[in-house]
Amino acid sequence: MTAAHSGHPSHAASDRTVAVIGAGPTGLTLACELAVAGIPCRVLEKRPQRVAWSRAMGLEPRTLELFDMRGMAEEFVARGRPWRLQPVGDRRHHLDYALLDTSFPYVLILSQHHTEEILEKQAVELGVEIVRGAELTGLTQDDAGVTLEIRGPGGRWTEHAAYVVGSDGVRSTVRELSGIGFTGRSYQESLVVADVRPARPPASLVDARIADRGLVAVFPLDDGVFRLVVLDRDRMRLPVEQPVTPEELTDSVLAVFGENLGIGEVVWASRFRSEQRLADHYREGRILLAGDAAHTHLPSGGQGLQTGIQDAFNLGWKLAAEVQDRAPAGLLDSYEAERAPIARRVLRQTDRAFRFETSRTTVANAARWAGMRLMRIRSLQRPLIDDFAGLTLRYRPPSGAGAGRMIGRRLPDAPLYGAGHTVTRLYEQLRDRSFLLVDQSPDGRAAAVAESRPGPVRAVRAVVGGRRRWPSALLVRPDGHVAWSGDGTRPEGLCSALDRWVGETPAGPEPQLPQQTVGNTMEDTE
């Protein structure tokens, strides 16, 4: 096991190494994905150690699903606090995450500090080298790779990598050195985030309330410390340089939250102005961006952490294929094609939400009043919660792809019934990061086509349980999205999908089709 360390690296990177700049959740998730695929990976982080305070406070269901596909969800859940009822409007109204179709029907309250701790431990166990106190100062690339200039406590050095991924935050050095623009704007209004130790904590550990004056959200951390997020309309024009005092927090919380929490000790506080920006490109040759380096937005809904981790899961298997010289043409470019539209959507949503919450017009006040009351109706909650939870995510099918109704969709977990009624789970079958062909048809024709292909494709002849009406054959990508769906007995389009995502196979004899059914039939399980 390679331990994380500080200072000068022990060895130079190889021509197949990927250098990840930034040891936040996005960078560490990507490092794990690459390491499992057999790609040497080095994470360079300018901070000498993890910061004690945390920016992001929770993991949404889709993020937990992704970690479940890698066998990591249990550790996150064990460290966090599952919270099913999400407050909206006032103390009487909640969004009920139990309505969701997922194995994780809640938000997991877990500080970013602990999220990074879990991911770093996993990365190190997989052989990732994490170099702390290493600041990137120069970056040049050519057809053979990228040269990095690094400054650390042990001096300066140069190293080489096949590719570099900038996951180094909003002020990304990788983005600046590569010349990629960061288009958008800054808000004039300021918000406050503070970690406090209240003498009178709220009765509900997680709470959020909206009033005429603004919005206050409260989240538990550790050791009696709570995170406050304060949008006080009377103080949004204060300069960010003005210190946040216990008196200010007490006044804002009392005016909006309606309770005096007894804020005596402020462990950490920040007044900040947010930005809405998107990188002009996610890729410049052998340099790529992920997470906050590629997109930044208001913290509404806690979507920043989720979007960055999703970037890493989308990029990891594609970059591994590229480094190993087995990627079909255009595979690496599909990272930006799929992820940039998601970021644009998040930017639009958070911008609308912020304008809605900060407006003091009569129309906005009336809309907020009506919205809070409409959210009492459970049938109206589901679309909103699905979106917050990340369960509506769908990638647009590439040009020329078939019209399968599930292409690009996220798949929820489901039991798979195989021969002899063997039961496994869909997400368990994705833990080797291969493409998975699930064939429910009687003759297994689609499975035979997939098994005849070289590359990371594995076929499972099984029936999907849980009363899910999925097509009889599904090709599932390593990140849990559908690459192809169709009739398993007539798998037209499957070869084209495999060519597009896995790579073309040399011409050869037709695959030998199985002679009998393996496993159950759909009627057996429903």
Protein backbone atom coordinates (compact mmCIF):
# COMPACT_ATOMS: atom_id res chain seq x y z
CA MET A 1 0.00 0.00 0.00
CA THR A 2 1.33 3.42 -0.98
CA ALA A 3 0.94 5.99 1.75
CA ALA A 4 0.06 9.63 1.27
CA HIS A 5 3.00 11.88 2.02
CA SER A 6 4.28 15.43 1.72
CA GLY A 7 7.15 16.98 -0.15
CA HIS A 8 9.26 15.73 -3.05
CA PRO A 9 7.90 12.63 -4.81
CA SER A 10 9.75 9.37 -4.48
CA HIS A 11 9.89 8.75 -8.22
CA ALA A 12 9.04 10.32 -11.54
CA ALA A 13 5.75 9.52 -13.21
CA SER A 14 5.64 7.03 -16.08
CA ASP A 15 4.38 7.68 -19.58
CA ARG A 16 1.07 6.03 -18.63
CA THR A 17 0.59 7.88 -15.38
CA VAL A 18 -2.36 10.21 -14.91
CA ALA A 19 -1.63 13.19 -12.67
CA VAL A 20 -4.67 14.41 -10.74
CA ILE A 21 -4.29 17.92 -9.35
CA GLY A 22 -6.37 18.35 -6.22
CA ALA A 23 -7.21 15.89 -3.42
CA GLY A 24 -10.83 16.88 -2.89
CA PRO A 25 -13.72 14.42 -3.35
CA THR A 26 -13.65 14.73 -7.15
CA GLY A 27 -9.92 14.12 -7.49
CA LEU A 28 -9.86 11.25 -5.01
CA THR A 29 -12.87 9.55 -6.61
CA LEU A 30 -11.22 9.79 -10.01
CA ALA A 31 -7.95 8.41 -8.62
CA CYS A 32 -9.80 5.37 -7.25
CA GLU A 33 -11.50 4.77 -10.60
CA LEU A 34 -8.21 4.92 -12.47
CA ALA A 35 -6.27 2.81 -10.00
CA VAL A 36 -8.78 -0.06 -10.14
CA ALA A 37 -8.48 0.02 -13.94
CA GLY A 38 -4.73 -0.47 -13.61
CA ILE A 39 -3.71 3.11 -14.42
CA PRO A 40 -0.82 4.50 -12.34
CA CYS A 41 -2.19 7.61 -10.68
CA ARG A 42 -0.60 10.39 -8.63
CA VAL A 43 -2.59 13.02 -6.80
CA LEU A 44 -0.81 16.34 -6.21
CA GLU A 45 -2.36 18.56 -3.54
CA LYS A 46 -0.98 21.95 -2.49
CA ARG A 47 -2.58 21.77 0.96
CA PRO A 48 -0.22 20.09 3.44
CA GLN A 49 -3.19 18.32 5.07
CA ARG A 50 -6.95 18.05 4.86
CA VAL A 51 -8.72 21.11 6.19
CA ALA A 52 -10.63 20.55 9.41
CA TRP A 53 -13.72 22.48 8.32
CA SER A 54 -16.02 21.22 5.60
CA ARG A 55 -17.71 22.95 2.69
CA ALA A 56 -20.19 20.31 1.55
CA MET A 57 -22.43 18.63 4.08
CA GLY A 58 -24.20 15.72 2.47
CA LEU A 59 -24.35 12.97 -0.13
CA GLU A 60 -27.48 12.67 -2.25
CA PRO A 61 -28.98 9.28 -3.23
CA ARG A 62 -27.43 9.15 -6.72
CA THR A 63 -23.96 9.76 -5.29
CA LEU A 64 -24.48 6.93 -2.82
CA GLU A 65 -25.66 4.70 -5.66
CA LEU A 66 -22.43 5.35 -7.51
CA PHE A 67 -20.39 4.47 -4.44
CA ASP A 68 -22.53 1.33 -4.02
CA MET A 69 -21.45 0.25 -7.52
CA ARG A 70 -17.90 0.27 -6.13
CA GLY A 71 -18.67 -1.44 -2.82
CA MET A 72 -18.05 1.73 -0.81
CA ALA A 73 -21.52 2.91 0.18
CA GLU A 74 -21.66 1.01 3.46
CA GLU A 75 -18.66 2.85 4.87
CA PHE A 76 -20.12 6.23 3.99
CA VAL A 77 -23.48 5.35 5.51
CA ALA A 78 -21.81 4.05 8.67
CA ARG A 79 -20.01 7.37 9.14
CA GLY A 80 -22.93 9.67 8.30
CA ARG A 81 -26.47 10.41 9.45
CA PRO A 82 -29.21 9.31 7.03
CA TRP A 83 -31.88 12.01 6.98
CA ARG A 84 -35.13 11.17 5.22
CA LEU A 85 -37.30 14.24 5.88
CA GLN A 86 -35.83 17.36 4.33
CA PRO A 87 -37.28 20.60 5.75
CA VAL A 88 -38.89 23.06 3.40
CA GLY A 89 -40.50 26.37 4.26
CA ASP A 90 -41.07 25.98 7.98
CA ARG A 91 -40.82 23.39 10.71
CA ARG A 92 -44.13 21.74 9.77
CA HIS A 93 -43.36 20.88 6.13
CA HIS A 94 -40.84 18.42 4.71
CA LEU A 95 -39.82 16.76 1.47
CA ASP A 96 -40.09 13.04 2.07
CA TYR A 97 -37.17 11.19 0.49
CA ALA A 98 -38.90 7.88 1.26
CA LEU A 99 -40.86 8.48 -1.96
CA LEU A 100 -37.75 7.79 -4.04
CA ASP A 101 -37.02 4.65 -6.05
CA THR A 102 -33.56 3.98 -4.66
CA SER A 103 -31.80 1.89 -2.03
CA PHE A 104 -30.78 5.17 -0.37
CA PRO A 105 -34.01 7.13 0.20
CA TYR A 106 -32.38 9.91 2.21
CA VAL A 107 -29.69 12.55 2.23
CA LEU A 108 -26.62 11.30 4.08
CA ILE A 109 -25.42 14.08 6.36
CA LEU A 110 -21.64 13.71 6.26
CA SER A 111 -19.04 16.44 6.32
CA GLN A 112 -16.73 16.79 3.34
CA HIS A 113 -13.80 16.24 5.69
CA HIS A 114 -15.00 12.70 6.40
CA THR A 115 -15.90 12.10 2.75
CA GLU A 116 -12.33 12.95 1.78
CA GLU A 117 -10.97 10.78 4.58
CA ILE A 118 -12.86 7.72 3.33
CA LEU A 119 -11.90 8.32 -0.30
CA GLU A 120 -8.24 8.94 0.52
CA LYS A 121 -8.04 5.71 2.51
CA GLN A 122 -9.54 3.81 -0.43
CA ALA A 123 -7.21 5.48 -2.93
CA VAL A 124 -4.10 4.68 -0.89
CA GLU A 125 -5.18 1.06 -0.51
CA LEU A 126 -5.50 0.88 -4.29
CA GLY A 127 -1.94 2.10 -4.74
CA VAL A 128 -2.53 5.77 -5.50
CA GLU A 129 0.32 8.04 -4.46
CA ILE A 130 -0.87 11.27 -2.83
CA VAL A 131 1.70 14.02 -2.59
CA ARG A 132 0.72 16.87 -0.28
CA GLY A 133 2.32 20.28 -0.17
CA ALA A 134 2.88 20.04 -3.94
CA GLU A 135 1.86 23.16 -5.85
CA LEU A 136 1.58 23.16 -9.63
CA THR A 137 3.48 26.13 -11.13
CA GLY A 138 3.87 25.19 -14.80
CA LEU A 139 2.18 23.01 -17.40
CA THR A 140 3.13 22.20 -20.99
CA GLN A 141 1.96 19.43 -23.27
CA ASP A 142 2.86 17.77 -26.55
CA ASP A 143 1.75 14.68 -28.44
CA ALA A 144 3.59 12.41 -26.01
CA GLY A 145 2.25 13.74 -22.73
CA VAL A 146 2.27 16.61 -20.24
CA THR A 147 5.17 18.13 -18.32
CA LEU A 148 4.39 19.49 -14.88
CA GLU A 149 6.48 21.91 -12.85
CA ILE A 150 5.94 21.44 -9.13
CA ARG A 151 6.96 23.42 -6.06
CA GLY A 152 6.92 21.84 -2.62
CA PRO A 153 8.63 21.89 0.77
CA GLY A 154 11.42 19.75 -0.65
CA GLY A 155 12.13 22.18 -3.50
CA ARG A 156 11.11 22.26 -7.15
CA TRP A 157 10.88 19.38 -9.57
CA THR A 158 9.53 18.39 -12.97
CA GLU A 159 7.57 15.28 -13.81
CA HIS A 160 5.70 13.85 -16.78
CA ALA A 161 2.29 12.28 -17.19
CA ALA A 162 0.21 10.88 -20.02
CA TYR A 163 -2.74 13.06 -18.97
CA VAL A 164 -3.46 15.67 -16.33
CA VAL A 165 -6.85 16.21 -14.70
CA GLY A 166 -7.48 19.48 -12.89
CA SER A 167 -9.78 18.91 -9.94
CA ASP A 168 -8.22 21.82 -8.08
CA GLY A 169 -11.29 23.92 -7.40
CA VAL A 170 -12.77 27.21 -8.50
CA ARG A 171 -9.37 28.95 -8.69
CA SER A 172 -7.97 26.07 -10.71
CA THR A 173 -4.31 26.47 -11.62
CA VAL A 174 -4.69 23.71 -14.23
CA ARG A 175 -7.47 25.63 -15.95
CA GLU A 176 -5.53 28.89 -15.92
CA LEU A 177 -2.27 27.36 -17.17
CA SER A 178 -4.09 25.50 -19.95
CA GLY A 179 -5.77 28.71 -21.14
CA ILE A 180 -9.32 27.42 -20.78
CA GLY A 181 -11.80 30.22 -20.16
CA PHE A 182 -14.22 30.24 -17.22
CA THR A 183 -17.29 32.07 -18.43
CA GLY A 184 -19.96 33.44 -16.13
CA ARG A 185 -20.47 36.11 -13.52
CA SER A 186 -20.23 36.92 -9.83
CA TYR A 187 -23.12 37.75 -7.53
CA GLN A 188 -23.15 40.98 -5.57
CA GLU A 189 -25.09 39.50 -2.65
CA SER A 190 -23.13 37.86 0.16
CA LEU A 191 -24.07 34.81 2.22
CA VAL A 192 -22.70 33.48 5.49
CA VAL A 193 -21.55 29.98 6.37
CA ALA A 194 -20.55 29.33 9.98
CA ASP A 195 -19.72 26.40 12.21
CA VAL A 196 -20.96 27.13 15.71
CA ARG A 197 -21.36 25.36 19.04
CA PRO A 198 -24.86 26.40 20.18
CA ALA A 199 -25.97 26.21 23.79
CA ARG A 200 -29.49 25.32 22.64
CA PRO A 201 -29.32 23.12 19.50
CA PRO A 202 -32.51 22.80 17.43
CA ALA A 203 -34.86 19.94 18.29
CA SER A 204 -34.50 18.60 14.75
CA LEU A 205 -30.82 18.02 13.97
CA VAL A 206 -31.35 19.00 10.33
CA ASP A 207 -33.61 21.99 9.80
CA ALA A 208 -34.17 24.84 7.36
CA ARG A 209 -36.64 27.68 7.52
CA ILE A 210 -37.69 30.46 5.20
CA ALA A 211 -39.10 33.79 6.38
CA ASP A 212 -39.54 37.29 5.00
CA ARG A 213 -36.03 38.09 6.14
CA GLY A 214 -34.37 35.17 4.35
CA LEU A 215 -33.33 31.56 4.87
CA VAL A 216 -31.39 29.68 7.57
CA ALA A 217 -30.34 26.03 7.35
CA VAL A 218 -28.81 24.02 10.20
CA PHE A 219 -26.81 20.78 9.87
CA PRO A 220 -25.03 18.71 12.55
CA LEU A 221 -21.27 18.18 12.35
CA ASP A 222 -19.22 16.54 15.12
CA ASP A 223 -18.57 17.23 18.80
CA GLY A 224 -21.62 19.43 19.28
CA VAL A 225 -20.79 21.68 16.33
CA PHE A 226 -23.49 22.72 13.84
CA ARG A 227 -23.19 24.23 10.37
CA LEU A 228 -25.28 27.34 9.73
CA VAL A 229 -26.04 28.59 6.23
CA VAL A 230 -27.52 32.08 6.45
CA LEU A 231 -29.17 34.09 3.71
CA ASP A 232 -30.18 37.29 5.52
CA ARG A 233 -31.76 39.74 3.08
CA ASP A 234 -30.95 42.64 5.43
CA ARG A 235 -27.23 41.82 5.37
CA MET A 236 -26.60 40.57 1.82
CA ARG A 237 -24.91 43.84 0.82
CA LEU A 238 -22.31 43.72 3.58
CA PRO A 239 -18.72 43.52 2.31
CA VAL A 240 -17.21 40.04 2.44
CA GLU A 241 -14.30 41.46 4.44
CA GLN A 242 -16.55 42.27 7.39
CA PRO A 243 -16.08 39.65 10.15
CA VAL A 244 -18.99 37.42 11.11
CA THR A 245 -19.71 37.84 14.81
CA PRO A 246 -21.78 35.75 17.25
CA GLU A 247 -24.08 38.74 17.66
CA GLU A 248 -24.79 38.94 13.94
CA LEU A 249 -25.50 35.22 13.72
CA THR A 250 -27.79 35.36 16.75
CA ASP A 251 -29.79 38.21 15.24
CA SER A 252 -30.09 36.59 11.80
CA VAL A 253 -31.03 33.18 13.21
CA LEU A 254 -33.63 34.68 15.55
CA ALA A 255 -35.17 36.77 12.75
CA VAL A 256 -35.34 33.93 10.20
CA PHE A 257 -35.21 30.68 12.16
CA GLY A 258 -37.39 31.96 14.96
CA GLU A 259 -35.24 30.54 17.77
CA ASN A 260 -32.31 31.72 19.83
CA LEU A 261 -29.86 28.84 19.58
CA GLY A 262 -27.49 30.35 22.09
CA ILE A 263 -24.61 30.94 19.71
CA GLY A 264 -21.63 31.63 21.91
CA GLU A 265 -18.67 30.01 20.17
CA VAL A 266 -18.04 30.47 16.45
CA VAL A 267 -15.59 27.76 15.42
CA TRP A 268 -15.28 29.03 11.86
CA ALA A 269 -17.21 31.49 9.72
CA SER A 270 -17.06 32.95 6.24
CA ARG A 271 -18.95 35.66 4.43
CA PHE A 272 -18.71 35.06 0.71
CA ARG A 273 -20.07 35.96 -2.69
CA SER A 274 -20.77 33.08 -4.99
CA GLU A 275 -20.20 32.77 -8.73
CA GLN A 276 -21.89 31.06 -11.63
CA ARG A 277 -19.22 29.95 -14.10
CA LEU A 278 -18.63 27.13 -16.57
CA ALA A 279 -15.38 26.18 -18.28
CA ASP A 280 -15.38 26.92 -22.00
CA HIS A 281 -14.02 23.41 -22.54
CA TYR A 282 -13.52 20.40 -20.32
CA ARG A 283 -10.58 19.19 -22.38
CA GLU A 284 -7.56 20.81 -23.99
CA GLY A 285 -5.50 18.02 -25.56
CA ARG A 286 -4.17 15.91 -22.71
CA ILE A 287 -5.49 18.24 -20.02
CA LEU A 288 -8.97 17.77 -18.57
CA LEU A 289 -11.07 19.50 -15.92
CA ALA A 290 -13.49 18.05 -13.37
CA GLY A 291 -15.49 19.26 -10.40
CA ASP A 292 -15.32 22.90 -9.33
CA ALA A 293 -12.46 23.51 -11.77
CA ALA A 294 -14.99 22.95 -14.57
CA HIS A 295 -18.09 24.50 -13.02
CA THR A 296 -19.03 26.52 -9.98
CA HIS A 297 -22.39 27.73 -8.75
CA LEU A 298 -24.31 28.72 -5.67
CA PRO A 299 -24.49 26.10 -2.92
CA SER A 300 -28.28 25.78 -3.31
CA GLY A 301 -29.32 22.16 -2.85
CA GLY A 302 -25.77 20.96 -2.16
CA GLN A 303 -25.27 20.01 -5.81
CA GLY A 304 -21.60 20.98 -6.18
CA LEU A 305 -20.17 17.92 -4.46
CA GLN A 306 -22.59 15.60 -6.24
CA THR A 307 -21.80 17.02 -9.68
CA GLY A 308 -18.05 16.71 -9.13
CA ILE A 309 -18.23 13.09 -8.04
CA GLN A 310 -20.45 12.31 -11.03
CA ASP A 311 -17.81 13.94 -13.25
CA ALA A 312 -15.23 11.54 -11.85
CA PHE A 313 -17.36 8.44 -12.43
CA ASN A 314 -18.08 9.54 -16.01
CA LEU A 315 -14.45 10.35 -16.79
CA GLY A 316 -12.66 7.51 -15.02
CA TRP A 317 -13.46 4.57 -17.31
CA LYS A 318 -13.13 6.67 -20.44
CA LEU A 319 -9.72 8.05 -19.50
CA ALA A 320 -8.52 4.58 -18.48
CA ALA A 321 -9.48 3.24 -21.92
CA GLU A 322 -7.66 6.14 -23.60
CA VAL A 323 -4.45 5.62 -21.61
CA GLN A 324 -4.54 1.90 -22.35
CA ASP A 325 -4.92 2.56 -26.10
CA ARG A 326 -8.22 0.70 -26.35
CA ALA A 327 -10.66 3.62 -26.53
CA PRO A 328 -12.82 4.00 -29.65
CA ALA A 329 -12.63 7.31 -31.46
CA GLY A 330 -14.41 10.10 -29.63
CA LEU A 331 -14.81 8.27 -26.33
CA LEU A 332 -12.81 10.77 -24.28
CA ASP A 333 -14.57 13.71 -25.93
CA SER A 334 -17.89 12.24 -24.82
CA TYR A 335 -16.95 13.24 -21.26
CA GLU A 336 -17.52 16.93 -21.99
CA ALA A 337 -20.44 16.18 -24.32
CA GLU A 338 -22.27 14.40 -21.49
CA ARG A 339 -21.19 16.32 -18.41
CA ALA A 340 -21.19 19.96 -19.58
CA PRO A 341 -24.97 19.98 -20.24
CA ILE A 342 -25.52 18.63 -16.72
CA ALA A 343 -23.45 21.47 -15.28
CA ARG A 344 -25.34 24.05 -17.36
CA ARG A 345 -28.61 22.71 -16.00
CA VAL A 346 -27.38 22.89 -12.40
CA LEU A 347 -26.20 26.47 -12.97
CA ARG A 348 -29.61 27.46 -14.33
CA GLN A 349 -31.44 25.80 -11.45
CA THR A 350 -29.29 27.28 -8.69
CA ASP A 351 -29.46 30.73 -10.29
CA ARG A 352 -33.25 30.61 -10.43
CA ALA A 353 -33.42 29.37 -6.84
CA PHE A 354 -31.14 32.15 -5.59
CA ARG A 355 -33.04 34.87 -7.40
CA PHE A 356 -36.27 33.43 -6.06
CA GLU A 357 -35.00 33.43 -2.48
CA THR A 358 -33.35 36.86 -2.56
CA SER A 359 -36.13 38.77 -4.30
CA ARG A 360 -38.26 40.97 -2.02
CA THR A 361 -40.96 41.78 -4.56
CA THR A 362 -44.63 41.17 -3.83
CA VAL A 363 -44.77 38.57 -6.59
CA ALA A 364 -41.79 36.67 -5.16
CA ASN A 365 -43.25 36.74 -1.65
CA ALA A 366 -46.55 35.39 -2.96
CA ALA A 367 -44.77 32.68 -4.99
CA ARG A 368 -42.78 31.54 -1.95
CA TRP A 369 -45.97 31.39 0.14
CA ALA A 370 -47.76 29.35 -2.54
CA GLY A 371 -44.77 27.09 -3.15
CA MET A 372 -44.43 26.11 0.50
CA ARG A 373 -48.08 25.13 0.65
CA LEU A 374 -47.99 23.19 -2.59
CA MET A 375 -45.11 21.15 -1.21
CA ARG A 376 -47.49 19.74 1.40
CA ILE A 377 -49.01 17.65 -1.43
CA ARG A 378 -46.95 14.46 -1.64
CA SER A 379 -47.72 13.84 -5.31
CA LEU A 380 -46.14 17.20 -6.16
CA GLN A 381 -43.04 16.46 -4.10
CA ARG A 382 -41.81 13.49 -6.11
CA PRO A 383 -40.51 15.32 -9.25
CA LEU A 384 -38.69 17.88 -7.11
CA ILE A 385 -37.11 15.28 -4.85
CA ASP A 386 -36.12 13.09 -7.81
CA ASP A 387 -34.27 16.06 -9.26
CA PHE A 388 -32.53 17.00 -6.00
CA ALA A 389 -31.53 13.38 -5.48
CA GLY A 390 -29.94 13.08 -8.93
CA LEU A 391 -32.29 10.34 -10.08
CA THR A 392 -33.49 12.17 -13.20
CA LEU A 393 -30.03 12.31 -14.74
CA ARG A 394 -29.96 11.10 -18.34
CA TYR A 395 -27.23 11.54 -20.92
CA ARG A 396 -28.34 12.46 -24.41
CA PRO A 397 -27.81 9.54 -26.81
CA PRO A 398 -24.87 10.15 -29.17
CA SER A 399 -25.54 11.00 -32.78
CA GLY A 400 -26.46 7.89 -34.76
CA ALA A 401 -27.33 5.82 -31.69
CA GLY A 402 -30.45 3.72 -31.70
CA ALA A 403 -33.69 4.95 -30.23
CA GLY A 404 -33.88 2.55 -27.29
CA ARG A 405 -36.15 4.10 -24.69
CA MET A 406 -33.62 3.70 -21.89
CA ILE A 407 -30.40 4.78 -23.59
CA GLY A 408 -28.51 7.25 -21.41
CA ARG A 409 -30.69 6.67 -18.34
CA ARG A 410 -29.46 5.95 -14.86
CA LEU A 411 -30.45 2.46 -13.72
CA PRO A 412 -31.69 1.92 -10.17
CA ASP A 413 -30.40 -1.15 -8.39
CA ALA A 414 -32.39 -4.35 -8.81
CA PRO A 415 -32.11 -8.05 -7.93
CA LEU A 416 -30.92 -10.35 -10.71
CA TYR A 417 -32.20 -13.92 -10.74
CA GLY A 418 -29.92 -16.35 -12.54
CA ALA A 419 -29.68 -20.09 -13.07
CA GLY A 420 -30.85 -22.10 -10.09
CA HIS A 421 -32.54 -18.97 -8.72
CA THR A 422 -29.17 -17.47 -7.81
CA VAL A 423 -29.73 -13.92 -6.67
CA THR A 424 -27.32 -11.04 -6.99
CA ARG A 425 -27.72 -7.28 -7.40
CA LEU A 426 -27.18 -5.17 -10.48
CA TYR A 427 -24.82 -2.79 -8.67
CA GLU A 428 -22.73 -5.68 -7.36
CA GLN A 429 -22.20 -6.79 -10.95
CA LEU A 430 -20.72 -3.37 -11.81
CA ARG A 431 -17.96 -3.47 -9.22
CA ASP A 432 -15.31 -4.67 -11.66
CA ARG A 433 -15.87 -1.48 -13.77
CA SER A 434 -16.71 -3.55 -16.88
CA PHE A 435 -19.59 -3.04 -19.26
CA LEU A 436 -22.40 -5.35 -18.24
CA LEU A 437 -24.82 -7.00 -20.67
CA VAL A 438 -27.93 -8.18 -18.82
CA ASP A 439 -29.81 -10.62 -21.06
CA GLN A 440 -33.29 -11.73 -19.94
CA SER A 441 -34.21 -13.42 -23.22
CA PRO A 442 -34.76 -17.19 -23.46
CA ASP A 443 -32.01 -17.93 -25.99
CA GLY A 444 -29.28 -15.59 -24.70
CA ARG A 445 -28.50 -14.22 -28.15
CA ALA A 446 -27.50 -10.76 -26.88
CA ALA A 447 -25.24 -12.28 -24.22
CA ALA A 448 -23.51 -14.37 -26.87
CA VAL A 449 -22.83 -11.27 -28.97
CA ALA A 450 -21.34 -9.46 -25.97
CA GLU A 451 -19.21 -12.43 -24.90
CA SER A 452 -17.74 -12.70 -28.38
CA ARG A 453 -16.23 -9.22 -28.07
CA PRO A 454 -12.78 -8.44 -26.71
CA GLY A 455 -12.44 -5.78 -24.06
CA PRO A 456 -14.12 -5.05 -20.75
CA VAL A 457 -17.55 -6.55 -21.46
CA ARG A 458 -19.22 -9.17 -19.29
CA ALA A 459 -22.56 -10.83 -19.93
CA VAL A 460 -25.04 -12.03 -17.33
CA ARG A 461 -28.02 -14.16 -18.29
CA ALA A 462 -30.51 -13.31 -15.58
CA VAL A 463 -33.98 -11.93 -15.01
CA VAL A 464 -34.42 -8.54 -13.39
CA GLY A 465 -36.66 -8.75 -10.34
CA GLY A 466 -38.42 -6.12 -8.31
CA ARG A 467 -41.25 -5.80 -10.85
CA ARG A 468 -39.16 -3.65 -13.15
CA ARG A 469 -40.35 -3.61 -16.76
CA TRP A 470 -37.03 -3.20 -18.49
CA PRO A 471 -36.22 -4.31 -22.05
CA SER A 472 -35.13 -7.92 -22.33
CA ALA A 473 -31.51 -6.89 -22.94
CA LEU A 474 -29.54 -3.98 -21.50
CA LEU A 475 -25.93 -2.93 -22.01
CA VAL A 476 -24.89 -1.04 -18.88
CA ARG A 477 -21.85 1.25 -18.77
CA PRO A 478 -19.36 1.14 -15.88
CA ASP A 479 -21.00 4.28 -14.44
CA GLY A 480 -24.44 2.67 -14.29
CA HIS A 481 -25.99 4.34 -17.34
CA VAL A 482 -27.58 2.45 -20.22
CA ALA A 483 -25.48 2.27 -23.39
CA TRP A 484 -28.00 0.17 -25.34
CA SER A 485 -31.35 -1.48 -24.75
CA GLY A 486 -33.42 -3.76 -26.95
CA ASP A 487 -34.83 -7.19 -27.65
CA GLY A 488 -32.40 -9.87 -26.52
CA THR A 489 -33.62 -12.29 -29.18
CA ARG A 490 -33.01 -9.74 -31.95
CA PRO A 491 -30.14 -7.59 -30.68
CA GLU A 492 -29.93 -5.22 -33.64
CA GLY A 493 -27.84 -2.23 -32.74
CA LEU A 494 -25.90 -3.98 -29.98
CA CYS A 495 -22.78 -4.40 -32.11
CA SER A 496 -22.90 -0.73 -33.07
CA ALA A 497 -23.23 0.26 -29.43
CA LEU A 498 -20.28 -1.93 -28.49
CA ASP A 499 -18.25 -0.41 -31.34
CA ARG A 500 -19.11 3.08 -30.13
CA TRP A 501 -18.39 2.59 -26.43
CA VAL A 502 -15.93 -0.32 -26.21
CA GLY A 503 -14.19 -0.39 -29.61
CA GLU A 504 -14.53 -2.21 -32.88
CA THR A 505 -13.80 -5.92 -32.97
CA PRO A 506 -11.91 -7.59 -35.82
CA ALA A 507 -14.03 -9.49 -38.33
CA GLY A 508 -14.47 -13.15 -37.39
CA PRO A 509 -16.96 -16.01 -37.26
CA GLU A 510 -20.45 -15.42 -35.94
CA PRO A 511 -20.80 -16.11 -32.21
CA GLN A 512 -22.09 -19.56 -31.27
CA LEU A 513 -25.60 -19.15 -29.86
CA PRO A 514 -26.66 -21.07 -26.75
CA GLN A 515 -29.10 -23.92 -27.26
CA GLN A 516 -31.18 -23.58 -24.12
CA THR A 517 -32.54 -21.09 -21.66
CA VAL A 518 -30.51 -20.31 -18.56
CA GLY A 519 -32.29 -18.94 -15.51
CA ASN A 520 -35.88 -17.94 -15.02
CA THR A 521 -38.36 -16.21 -17.25
CA MET A 522 -39.90 -12.81 -16.56
CA GLU A 523 -43.17 -14.48 -15.53
CA ASP A 524 -41.33 -16.55 -12.92
CA THR A 525 -40.38 -13.50 -10.89
CA GLU A 526 -43.36 -11.18 -11.21
